[in-house]
Amino acid sequence: MDAQERIIEQRKAKHKKTAFIIKCIIALIVLCIVVLAVILIKAGFIDGQVDETIRNTKSTLTGKSADHVAVSGEAVTEGSSETEGAPDHTQAALASAKLLAQQYDYDGAIALLEAESDFNTNTQFQNAVGSYREKKQNLKAYPAGQVTHIFFHSLIVDTSLAFDADEDADGYNQYMVSIREFNSIIQQMYDKGYVMISPHDMCTVNEDGTVTAKDIYLPDGKIPFVLSQDDVSYYHYMDGDGFAQKLIVDENGEIKNTYVEADGTVRTGDYDLVPLVDDFVREHPDFSYHGHKGVIALTGYEGVLGYRTDEVYKTREAGRVTEYQQKFFDNNPDFDFDSEAAQAKQVADAMKAEGWEFASHTWGHIDPVNAGYDKVVTDTERYKTWMEPIIGPTDILIFAFGADIGDWQNYSSDNQLFTYYKSQGFNIFCNVDSSRTNWVQFGDNYMRQARRNIDGYSMSHRADSLSDLFNVSEAWDSSRPQVPDL
């Protein structure tokens, strides 16, 4: 090898060494940057910046902007693609805020995110809040006076048992709907844009006892309505006729029903309105306004929610025990009243946590005017003593039999029954009037709302009057026989 070739080889070796050193320096710099970034992320300083970089990189690679996921008919920017890889607390907060926003509680969603300690540095939180503020500005006011109120009785699980031509069959046919019918009705109403609200979303009860109307704010095309269910006591006479037995809290903390098969097998599932609505809202959260669901109207003379919690089950007072109750005692020799009441309260508390409300349907299912003042007082005292400790206080009175304590004119202080009920804490009163789609009346110190019965009779004899809610022919259960006139 001559001198020139040696020089060339030496230069190649020098270049290789220099390149290797440069590569090592670059690798060391990159490693330092990565280590520094990890330290800062753990310190919580650059969550927002890193998340923004991830989104920008994803946009560059896919040619798309940050993912938008359609939820309940509207686009939201806090979808799963944006929380992927984010800290657990960020994902949890965004998920909670998202649910609030889906149920139109934009103020709640905004407050939740702004309360996060890293809100000022977390661009995901800030972007979500900006989106919610924009959606809130587009809400439309819906007057309380235009809100409709529908109600059901217990749902029929097995129509072959309910419509078996015995002495109760005609009543079930006239006043009840089947689970199949209910599911169709709710789905149709959801498709039309209906949203469940509470009666308390329609009014404000002030400290001085006055009551004032308030609007409900929803996106354009959404229609608020109140849902209620009467007589959720699972009366003894319904045993064996194809209805649920009671409401329970299952091992997952969800509210379900028990149902007793003909062979005595007890099953747990969605056998009545409450668990069916709970499941529907889990799938369609935008069916519920601010997480509110229905109003459960209860009597107390045979207990509540399927539990035998009235005084007579504790005292077994002679002369007050009915034939049905005596049969219950005979079939349940180990019955323990205190345990029964504790279970009922557990269910009631779980229901309230899920957005359900309770109303008095009067303790004894009475028509106050026909009963008279003295009996109304006795009835209310029994309600306060035996029902209120389980379901808690309520200011909603849903009259039994569709009755009322006055005509269409405003209640006044001259109305003895109204004055008494008001003194007992009732502010919202509900009668029945299916002749119109809605009727709401505001007095100085009360709200009164008419309800529309959804049952076999209304579907059979007044189908056209329900067309704003659902198509009867689509909901109709083919196993239902001809519905007799009232």
Protein backbone atom coordinates (compact mmCIF):
# COMPACT_ATOMS: atom_id res chain seq x y z
CA MET A 1 0.00 0.00 0.00
CA ASP A 2 1.56 3.35 -1.05
CA ALA A 3 1.48 6.59 0.94
CA GLN A 4 -1.58 7.99 -0.81
CA GLU A 5 -3.68 4.89 -0.11
CA ARG A 6 -2.67 5.03 3.57
CA ILE A 7 -3.79 8.64 3.80
CA ILE A 8 -7.17 7.74 2.25
CA GLU A 9 -7.70 4.86 4.70
CA GLN A 10 -6.77 7.07 7.64
CA ARG A 11 -9.30 9.70 6.55
CA LYS A 12 -12.05 7.04 6.24
CA ALA A 13 -11.29 5.79 9.70
CA LYS A 14 -11.35 9.35 11.04
CA HIS A 15 -14.73 10.05 9.39
CA LYS A 16 -16.20 6.81 10.83
CA LYS A 17 -14.97 7.74 14.30
CA THR A 18 -16.36 11.26 14.00
CA ALA A 19 -19.74 9.94 12.78
CA PHE A 20 -19.87 7.49 15.65
CA ILE A 21 -19.14 10.21 18.20
CA ILE A 22 -21.82 12.47 16.70
CA LYS A 23 -24.39 9.64 16.84
CA CYS A 24 -23.54 8.99 20.47
CA ILE A 25 -23.93 12.68 21.32
CA ILE A 26 -27.32 12.83 19.56
CA ALA A 27 -28.49 9.68 21.35
CA LEU A 28 -27.40 11.12 24.68
CA ILE A 29 -29.27 14.38 24.01
CA VAL A 30 -32.44 12.49 23.04
CA LEU A 31 -32.18 10.36 26.16
CA CYS A 32 -31.80 13.46 28.33
CA ILE A 33 -34.87 15.04 26.71
CA VAL A 34 -36.95 11.90 27.27
CA VAL A 35 -35.86 11.64 30.91
CA LEU A 36 -36.64 15.33 31.48
CA ALA A 37 -40.05 14.95 29.83
CA VAL A 38 -40.92 11.98 32.02
CA ILE A 39 -39.93 13.93 35.12
CA LEU A 40 -42.06 16.90 34.10
CA ILE A 41 -45.05 14.74 33.21
CA LYS A 42 -44.92 13.03 36.58
CA ALA A 43 -44.71 16.45 38.18
CA GLY A 44 -47.90 17.41 36.35
CA PHE A 45 -46.45 20.40 34.52
CA ILE A 46 -46.93 19.53 30.86
CA ASP A 47 -49.95 17.22 30.63
CA GLY A 48 -51.71 19.66 28.36
CA GLN A 49 -48.70 20.27 26.11
CA VAL A 50 -47.95 16.57 25.66
CA ASP A 51 -51.63 15.83 24.96
CA GLU A 52 -51.68 18.61 22.38
CA THR A 53 -48.56 17.19 20.72
CA ILE A 54 -50.16 13.76 20.60
CA ARG A 55 -53.27 15.18 18.96
CA ASN A 56 -51.24 17.21 16.44
CA THR A 57 -49.12 14.18 15.58
CA LYS A 58 -52.27 12.07 15.13
CA SER A 59 -53.75 14.74 12.88
CA THR A 60 -50.59 14.84 10.76
CA LEU A 61 -50.51 11.08 10.39
CA THR A 62 -54.22 10.64 9.63
CA GLY A 63 -54.90 13.87 7.81
CA LYS A 64 -57.76 14.57 10.24
CA SER A 65 -58.41 17.02 13.02
CA ALA A 66 -58.96 15.83 16.58
CA ASP A 67 -61.58 13.09 16.67
CA HIS A 68 -65.22 14.08 17.15
CA VAL A 69 -67.57 11.39 18.39
CA ALA A 70 -71.32 11.74 17.82
CA VAL A 71 -73.13 11.11 21.07
CA SER A 72 -76.92 11.37 21.38
CA GLY A 73 -77.28 13.44 18.27
CA GLU A 74 -74.53 15.98 18.97
CA ALA A 75 -70.76 16.07 18.48
CA VAL A 76 -68.51 16.15 21.49
CA THR A 77 -64.77 16.72 21.50
CA GLU A 78 -63.88 14.78 24.61
CA GLY A 79 -64.21 11.34 23.06
CA SER A 80 -62.14 8.29 23.92
CA SER A 81 -59.53 9.06 21.24
CA GLU A 82 -58.57 12.23 23.08
CA THR A 83 -58.33 10.62 26.50
CA GLU A 84 -56.25 7.70 25.25
CA GLY A 85 -52.98 7.77 27.09
CA ALA A 86 -54.10 10.65 29.33
CA PRO A 87 -53.67 10.41 33.10
CA ASP A 88 -56.40 8.49 34.92
CA HIS A 89 -57.72 11.59 36.67
CA THR A 90 -58.07 13.37 33.33
CA GLN A 91 -60.01 10.51 31.80
CA ALA A 92 -62.25 10.20 34.84
CA ALA A 93 -63.00 13.91 34.98
CA LEU A 94 -63.74 14.12 31.25
CA ALA A 95 -66.02 11.08 31.45
CA SER A 96 -67.97 12.55 34.36
CA ALA A 97 -68.30 15.91 32.63
CA LYS A 98 -69.35 14.21 29.41
CA LEU A 99 -72.23 12.44 31.16
CA LEU A 100 -73.40 15.70 32.73
CA ALA A 101 -73.30 17.38 29.34
CA GLN A 102 -75.15 14.53 27.65
CA GLN A 103 -77.91 15.14 30.20
CA TYR A 104 -77.90 18.89 29.43
CA ASP A 105 -76.25 19.95 32.68
CA TYR A 106 -73.60 22.08 31.02
CA ASP A 107 -73.11 24.24 34.12
CA GLY A 108 -72.37 21.12 36.13
CA ALA A 109 -69.93 19.82 33.52
CA ILE A 110 -68.10 23.15 33.36
CA ALA A 111 -67.91 23.48 37.15
CA LEU A 112 -66.57 19.94 37.48
CA LEU A 113 -63.70 20.51 35.05
CA GLU A 114 -62.85 24.00 36.28
CA ALA A 115 -62.51 22.58 39.80
CA GLU A 116 -59.68 20.29 38.66
CA SER A 117 -56.33 21.42 40.10
CA ASP A 118 -54.60 21.29 36.70
CA PHE A 119 -57.38 22.99 34.73
CA ASN A 120 -55.15 25.95 33.80
CA THR A 121 -52.59 23.68 32.13
CA ASN A 122 -54.86 20.94 30.78
CA THR A 123 -55.97 21.78 27.25
CA GLN A 124 -58.39 18.85 27.18
CA PHE A 125 -60.31 20.34 30.10
CA GLN A 126 -60.21 23.78 28.54
CA ASN A 127 -61.38 22.56 25.13
CA ALA A 128 -64.24 20.61 26.71
CA VAL A 129 -65.34 23.64 28.73
CA GLY A 130 -65.30 25.78 25.60
CA SER A 131 -67.46 23.23 23.81
CA TYR A 132 -69.94 23.11 26.70
CA ARG A 133 -70.21 26.89 26.88
CA GLU A 134 -71.04 26.98 23.17
CA LYS A 135 -73.69 24.27 23.53
CA LYS A 136 -75.24 26.03 26.51
CA GLN A 137 -75.63 29.21 24.47
CA ASN A 138 -77.66 27.28 21.88
CA LEU A 139 -80.23 25.89 24.34
CA LYS A 140 -83.89 26.84 23.89
CA ALA A 141 -86.25 27.78 26.71
CA TYR A 142 -89.23 25.45 27.05
CA PRO A 143 -92.04 26.94 29.20
CA ALA A 144 -93.16 24.84 32.15
CA GLY A 145 -96.79 25.42 31.20
CA GLN A 146 -96.33 23.37 28.03
CA VAL A 147 -94.91 20.23 29.67
CA THR A 148 -96.91 17.02 29.37
CA HIS A 149 -97.07 14.41 32.15
CA ILE A 150 -97.76 10.72 31.47
CA PHE A 151 -98.21 7.87 33.90
CA PHE A 152 -98.38 4.09 34.01
CA HIS A 153 -99.40 1.46 36.53
CA SER A 154 -97.46 -1.75 37.19
CA LEU A 155 -96.30 -3.40 33.98
CA ILE A 156 -97.53 -6.83 32.96
CA VAL A 157 -94.76 -9.42 32.75
CA ASP A 158 -96.87 -12.41 31.64
CA THR A 159 -100.01 -11.46 29.69
CA SER A 160 -101.30 -15.04 29.78
CA LEU A 161 -101.68 -14.72 33.55
CA ALA A 162 -102.97 -11.14 33.60
CA PHE A 163 -105.55 -11.73 30.85
CA ASP A 164 -106.78 -15.11 32.08
CA ALA A 165 -110.48 -14.10 32.30
CA ASP A 166 -110.60 -14.06 36.10
CA GLU A 167 -112.23 -11.25 38.11
CA ASP A 168 -109.19 -8.95 37.78
CA ALA A 169 -108.48 -9.49 34.08
CA ASP A 170 -110.65 -6.64 32.77
CA GLY A 171 -109.05 -4.18 35.17
CA TYR A 172 -105.56 -5.23 34.13
CA ASN A 173 -106.60 -4.90 30.49
CA GLN A 174 -107.97 -1.40 31.02
CA TYR A 175 -105.36 0.07 33.37
CA MET A 176 -102.06 -1.69 32.65
CA VAL A 177 -99.62 -2.07 29.77
CA SER A 178 -97.26 -4.94 29.12
CA ILE A 179 -93.48 -4.73 29.23
CA ARG A 180 -93.41 -5.09 25.45
CA GLU A 181 -95.76 -2.13 25.06
CA PHE A 182 -93.85 0.01 27.53
CA ASN A 183 -90.51 -0.63 25.84
CA SER A 184 -91.96 0.35 22.48
CA ILE A 185 -93.57 3.50 23.90
CA ILE A 186 -90.36 4.71 25.55
CA GLN A 187 -88.28 4.00 22.46
CA GLN A 188 -90.74 5.86 20.25
CA MET A 189 -90.81 8.83 22.60
CA TYR A 190 -87.02 8.92 22.69
CA ASP A 191 -86.93 8.86 18.90
CA LYS A 192 -89.28 11.86 18.85
CA GLY A 193 -86.93 13.83 21.10
CA TYR A 194 -88.70 13.49 24.47
CA VAL A 195 -86.59 13.98 27.61
CA MET A 196 -87.59 13.05 31.17
CA ILE A 197 -87.63 15.91 33.65
CA SER A 198 -88.66 16.30 37.28
CA PRO A 199 -91.68 18.36 38.34
CA HIS A 200 -89.14 20.33 40.34
CA ASP A 201 -87.49 21.38 37.06
CA MET A 202 -90.72 23.23 36.29
CA CYS A 203 -90.94 25.34 39.43
CA THR A 204 -89.04 26.87 42.31
CA VAL A 205 -90.38 26.53 45.85
CA ASN A 206 -89.22 29.60 47.70
CA GLU A 207 -88.41 29.85 51.40
CA ASP A 208 -91.64 31.74 52.11
CA GLY A 209 -93.73 28.91 50.61
CA THR A 210 -94.49 30.67 47.33
CA VAL A 211 -94.02 28.74 44.10
CA THR A 212 -92.82 30.25 40.83
CA ALA A 213 -92.60 28.77 37.34
CA LYS A 214 -89.29 28.30 35.60
CA ASP A 215 -88.30 27.34 32.07
CA ILE A 216 -86.48 24.16 31.05
CA TYR A 217 -83.50 24.68 28.74
CA LEU A 218 -82.92 22.03 26.09
CA PRO A 219 -81.42 21.81 22.60
CA ASP A 220 -83.75 22.59 19.73
CA GLY A 221 -85.98 19.60 18.94
CA LYS A 222 -85.97 18.16 22.47
CA ILE A 223 -89.31 17.95 24.33
CA PRO A 224 -89.50 17.72 28.13
CA PHE A 225 -92.05 15.45 29.82
CA VAL A 226 -92.76 14.12 33.30
CA LEU A 227 -93.05 10.37 33.86
CA SER A 228 -94.77 8.82 36.87
CA GLN A 229 -95.96 5.41 37.98
CA ASP A 230 -98.82 4.76 40.39
CA ASP A 231 -99.27 2.14 43.09
CA VAL A 232 -95.76 0.71 43.15
CA SER A 233 -96.63 -1.35 46.18
CA TYR A 234 -97.19 -4.71 44.46
CA TYR A 235 -100.47 -5.38 46.19
CA HIS A 236 -101.35 -8.83 47.49
CA TYR A 237 -104.22 -9.24 45.03
CA MET A 238 -101.72 -9.15 42.15
CA ASP A 239 -99.86 -12.27 43.32
CA GLY A 240 -99.80 -14.94 40.64
CA ASP A 241 -101.23 -12.62 37.98
CA GLY A 242 -98.05 -12.01 36.00
CA PHE A 243 -96.59 -8.97 37.81
CA ALA A 244 -93.30 -8.31 39.57
CA GLN A 245 -93.05 -9.15 43.26
CA LYS A 246 -90.89 -6.31 44.62
CA LEU A 247 -87.97 -3.99 43.88
CA ILE A 248 -84.51 -4.93 45.16
CA VAL A 249 -80.89 -3.80 44.98
CA ASP A 250 -78.91 -6.59 43.32
CA GLU A 251 -75.30 -7.67 43.90
CA ASN A 252 -74.11 -5.06 41.38
CA GLY A 253 -75.88 -2.25 43.21
CA GLU A 254 -78.51 -1.95 40.46
CA ILE A 255 -82.24 -1.70 41.09
CA LYS A 256 -84.10 -4.74 39.81
CA ASN A 257 -87.32 -6.65 40.39
CA THR A 258 -87.98 -10.12 41.66
CA TYR A 259 -90.56 -12.18 39.80
CA VAL A 260 -92.08 -15.43 41.03
CA GLU A 261 -92.69 -18.09 38.38
CA ALA A 262 -95.68 -20.42 38.57
CA ASP A 263 -93.45 -23.18 40.03
CA GLY A 264 -92.23 -20.86 42.79
CA THR A 265 -88.87 -20.05 41.21
CA VAL A 266 -87.83 -16.48 42.05
CA ARG A 267 -86.07 -14.66 39.24
CA THR A 268 -84.32 -11.28 39.30
CA GLY A 269 -84.46 -8.89 36.35
CA ASP A 270 -86.12 -5.97 34.60
CA TYR A 271 -89.76 -6.78 35.34
CA ASP A 272 -91.23 -3.31 35.82
CA LEU A 273 -90.84 0.34 34.91
CA VAL A 274 -88.00 1.37 37.25
CA PRO A 275 -85.26 -1.05 36.12
CA LEU A 276 -86.40 -0.77 32.49
CA VAL A 277 -85.98 3.01 32.57
CA ASP A 278 -82.67 2.72 34.42
CA ASP A 279 -81.31 0.44 31.69
CA PHE A 280 -82.69 2.66 28.93
CA VAL A 281 -80.98 5.74 30.41
CA ARG A 282 -77.67 3.89 30.72
CA GLU A 283 -77.87 3.29 26.98
CA HIS A 284 -79.43 6.69 26.16
CA PRO A 285 -78.24 9.17 28.81
CA ASP A 286 -79.75 12.07 26.85
CA PHE A 287 -83.23 10.71 27.68
CA SER A 288 -82.76 12.12 31.20
CA TYR A 289 -82.56 15.82 32.05
CA HIS A 290 -79.87 16.43 34.67
CA GLY A 291 -80.09 12.75 35.63
CA HIS A 292 -83.74 12.97 36.63
CA LYS A 293 -86.08 10.05 36.05
CA GLY A 294 -89.68 9.41 37.07
CA VAL A 295 -91.91 10.01 40.07
CA ILE A 296 -93.07 6.92 41.96
CA ALA A 297 -96.49 7.45 43.57
CA LEU A 298 -96.97 5.24 46.61
CA THR A 299 -99.77 4.19 48.88
CA GLY A 300 -98.88 2.63 52.22
CA TYR A 301 -101.72 0.41 53.41
CA GLU A 302 -99.96 -2.73 52.15
CA GLY A 303 -96.45 -1.32 52.35
CA VAL A 304 -94.20 0.20 49.70
CA LEU A 305 -92.12 -1.15 46.81
CA GLY A 306 -93.29 -4.71 47.53
CA TYR A 307 -92.26 -4.65 51.20
CA ARG A 308 -94.88 -5.09 53.91
CA THR A 309 -94.06 -2.01 55.95
CA ASP A 310 -97.41 -0.71 57.17
CA GLU A 311 -98.41 -0.57 60.81
CA VAL A 312 -100.72 -3.58 60.57
CA TYR A 313 -97.80 -5.86 59.61
CA LYS A 314 -96.11 -4.80 62.85
CA THR A 315 -99.06 -4.81 65.25
CA ARG A 316 -101.36 -7.34 63.51
CA GLU A 317 -104.15 -5.39 65.14
CA ALA A 318 -107.41 -7.32 65.25
CA GLY A 319 -110.04 -5.87 63.00
CA ARG A 320 -107.51 -4.28 60.64
CA VAL A 321 -105.89 -7.40 59.18
CA THR A 322 -107.42 -8.15 55.80
CA GLU A 323 -107.90 -11.59 54.28
CA TYR A 324 -104.93 -11.00 51.99
CA GLN A 325 -102.74 -9.92 54.90
CA GLN A 326 -103.70 -12.91 57.03
CA LYS A 327 -102.79 -15.21 54.13
CA PHE A 328 -99.43 -13.43 53.94
CA PHE A 329 -98.82 -14.01 57.66
CA ASP A 330 -99.77 -17.68 57.30
CA ASN A 331 -97.35 -18.13 54.39
CA ASN A 332 -94.53 -16.20 56.09
CA PRO A 333 -94.39 -17.31 59.76
CA ASP A 334 -90.84 -15.94 60.14
CA PHE A 335 -91.71 -12.47 58.86
CA ASP A 336 -89.66 -9.75 60.60
CA PHE A 337 -91.06 -6.23 60.32
CA ASP A 338 -87.88 -4.34 61.20
CA SER A 339 -85.84 -6.26 58.63
CA GLU A 340 -88.53 -5.67 56.03
CA ALA A 341 -88.58 -1.92 56.68
CA ALA A 342 -84.77 -1.74 56.54
CA GLN A 343 -84.72 -3.49 53.15
CA ALA A 344 -87.40 -1.17 51.81
CA LYS A 345 -85.43 1.89 52.91
CA GLN A 346 -82.29 0.54 51.25
CA VAL A 347 -84.17 0.24 47.96
CA ALA A 348 -85.75 3.69 48.30
CA ASP A 349 -82.38 5.29 49.02
CA ALA A 350 -80.82 3.55 46.00
CA MET A 351 -83.67 4.74 43.79
CA LYS A 352 -83.27 8.35 44.89
CA ALA A 353 -79.54 8.12 44.18
CA GLU A 354 -80.45 7.00 40.64
CA GLY A 355 -82.65 10.04 40.02
CA TRP A 356 -86.07 8.73 41.07
CA GLU A 357 -88.47 10.76 43.20
CA PHE A 358 -91.36 9.70 45.40
CA ALA A 359 -94.83 11.15 45.76
CA SER A 360 -97.67 10.51 48.14
CA HIS A 361 -100.58 8.71 46.47
CA THR A 362 -102.28 9.01 49.87
CA TRP A 363 -101.72 6.25 52.40
CA GLY A 364 -105.06 4.57 51.76
CA HIS A 365 -105.61 5.39 48.05
CA ILE A 366 -108.41 7.79 48.96
CA ASP A 367 -110.34 10.48 47.13
CA PRO A 368 -109.87 13.38 49.58
CA VAL A 369 -113.16 15.15 48.81
CA ASN A 370 -115.24 12.00 49.22
CA ALA A 371 -113.25 10.91 52.27
CA GLY A 372 -113.72 14.20 54.11
CA TYR A 373 -111.37 16.35 56.12
CA ASP A 374 -111.07 14.14 59.23
CA LYS A 375 -110.18 11.04 57.22
CA VAL A 376 -107.68 13.05 55.16
CA VAL A 377 -105.92 14.06 58.38
CA THR A 378 -105.82 10.45 59.62
CA ASP A 379 -104.62 9.24 56.23
CA THR A 380 -101.84 11.83 56.08
CA GLU A 381 -100.70 11.06 59.61
CA ARG A 382 -100.35 7.40 58.66
CA TYR A 383 -98.40 8.42 55.58
CA LYS A 384 -96.06 10.55 57.69
CA THR A 385 -95.62 7.84 60.35
CA TRP A 386 -95.22 4.71 58.24
CA MET A 387 -94.14 5.79 54.78
CA GLU A 388 -92.00 8.89 55.20
CA PRO A 389 -89.32 7.16 57.35
CA ILE A 390 -88.73 4.81 54.41
CA ILE A 391 -89.09 6.98 51.30
CA GLY A 392 -88.17 10.32 52.89
CA PRO A 393 -90.10 13.58 52.72
CA THR A 394 -91.77 14.66 49.50
CA ASP A 395 -93.75 17.72 48.48
CA ILE A 396 -95.56 15.98 45.59
CA LEU A 397 -99.13 14.74 46.03
CA ILE A 398 -100.51 12.59 43.21
CA PHE A 399 -104.21 12.09 43.82
CA ALA A 400 -105.64 8.58 43.71
CA PHE A 401 -108.49 7.79 41.31
CA GLY A 402 -107.44 10.82 39.23
CA ALA A 403 -109.27 12.92 41.81
CA ASP A 404 -108.56 16.46 42.91
CA ILE A 405 -109.44 18.84 45.76
CA GLY A 406 -110.95 21.51 43.54
CA ASP A 407 -112.22 22.25 40.06
CA TRP A 408 -110.19 23.92 37.31
CA GLN A 409 -110.07 27.23 39.17
CA ASN A 410 -107.10 28.13 41.33
CA TYR A 411 -106.80 26.65 44.81
CA SER A 412 -107.42 29.24 47.49
CA SER A 413 -106.95 29.59 51.23
CA ASP A 414 -110.70 28.97 51.57
CA ASN A 415 -110.13 25.39 50.40
CA GLN A 416 -109.74 23.50 53.69
CA LEU A 417 -108.14 20.44 52.09
CA PHE A 418 -105.62 22.51 50.15
CA THR A 419 -104.72 24.53 53.25
CA TYR A 420 -104.18 21.32 55.22
CA TYR A 421 -102.08 19.60 52.55
CA LYS A 422 -100.01 22.76 52.10
CA SER A 423 -99.40 22.85 55.85
CA GLN A 424 -98.10 19.29 55.60
CA GLY A 425 -95.45 20.32 53.10
CA PHE A 426 -97.08 19.58 49.74
CA ASN A 427 -96.40 22.09 46.95
CA ILE A 428 -97.01 20.11 43.75
CA PHE A 429 -100.41 18.52 43.07
CA CYS A 430 -101.27 16.17 40.22
CA ASN A 431 -104.68 15.06 38.96
CA VAL A 432 -105.64 13.26 35.71
CA ASP A 433 -106.90 14.91 32.53
CA SER A 434 -106.35 13.12 29.23
CA SER A 435 -108.51 15.49 27.23
CA ARG A 436 -105.51 17.64 26.34
CA THR A 437 -101.80 17.16 25.81
CA ASN A 438 -100.83 19.34 28.77
CA TRP A 439 -102.37 21.37 31.56
CA VAL A 440 -100.31 23.17 34.18
CA GLN A 441 -101.54 25.72 36.69
CA PHE A 442 -99.48 27.97 38.93
CA GLY A 443 -100.97 29.55 42.02
CA ASP A 444 -99.08 31.78 44.39
CA ASN A 445 -98.01 28.85 46.51
CA TYR A 446 -98.44 25.67 44.46
CA MET A 447 -98.08 24.04 41.06
CA ARG A 448 -100.82 21.76 39.71
CA GLN A 449 -100.33 19.49 36.72
CA ALA A 450 -102.68 17.15 34.90
CA ARG A 451 -101.46 13.68 33.96
CA ARG A 452 -102.31 11.52 30.96
CA ASN A 453 -102.95 7.83 31.57
CA ILE A 454 -101.10 5.40 29.29
CA ASP A 455 -102.95 2.10 29.54
CA GLY A 456 -105.00 -0.43 27.66
CA TYR A 457 -108.08 1.76 27.68
CA SER A 458 -106.38 4.88 26.31
CA MET A 459 -104.56 2.89 23.63
CA SER A 460 -107.73 1.08 22.58
CA HIS A 461 -110.33 3.85 22.81
CA ARG A 462 -108.34 7.07 22.41
CA ALA A 463 -105.36 6.16 20.27
CA ASP A 464 -105.44 9.44 18.34
CA SER A 465 -105.00 11.43 21.55
CA LEU A 466 -101.64 9.72 22.10
CA SER A 467 -100.23 10.36 18.63
CA ASP A 468 -97.99 13.19 19.85
CA LEU A 469 -96.24 10.62 22.05
CA PHE A 470 -96.18 7.37 20.11
CA ASN A 471 -97.87 5.23 17.47
CA VAL A 472 -100.29 2.91 19.28
CA SER A 473 -100.37 0.32 16.48
CA GLU A 474 -96.61 -0.04 16.72
CA ALA A 475 -96.68 -0.47 20.50
CA TRP A 476 -99.75 -2.70 20.74
CA ASP A 477 -99.18 -6.13 22.29
CA SER A 478 -100.89 -8.74 20.10
CA SER A 479 -101.58 -10.90 23.15
CA ARG A 480 -103.90 -8.23 24.57
CA PRO A 481 -107.62 -9.10 24.17
CA GLN A 482 -110.26 -6.55 23.25
CA VAL A 483 -110.30 -3.85 25.90
CA PRO A 484 -113.74 -3.39 27.50
CA ASP A 485 -115.24 0.06 27.89
CA LEU A 486 -115.18 1.64 31.33
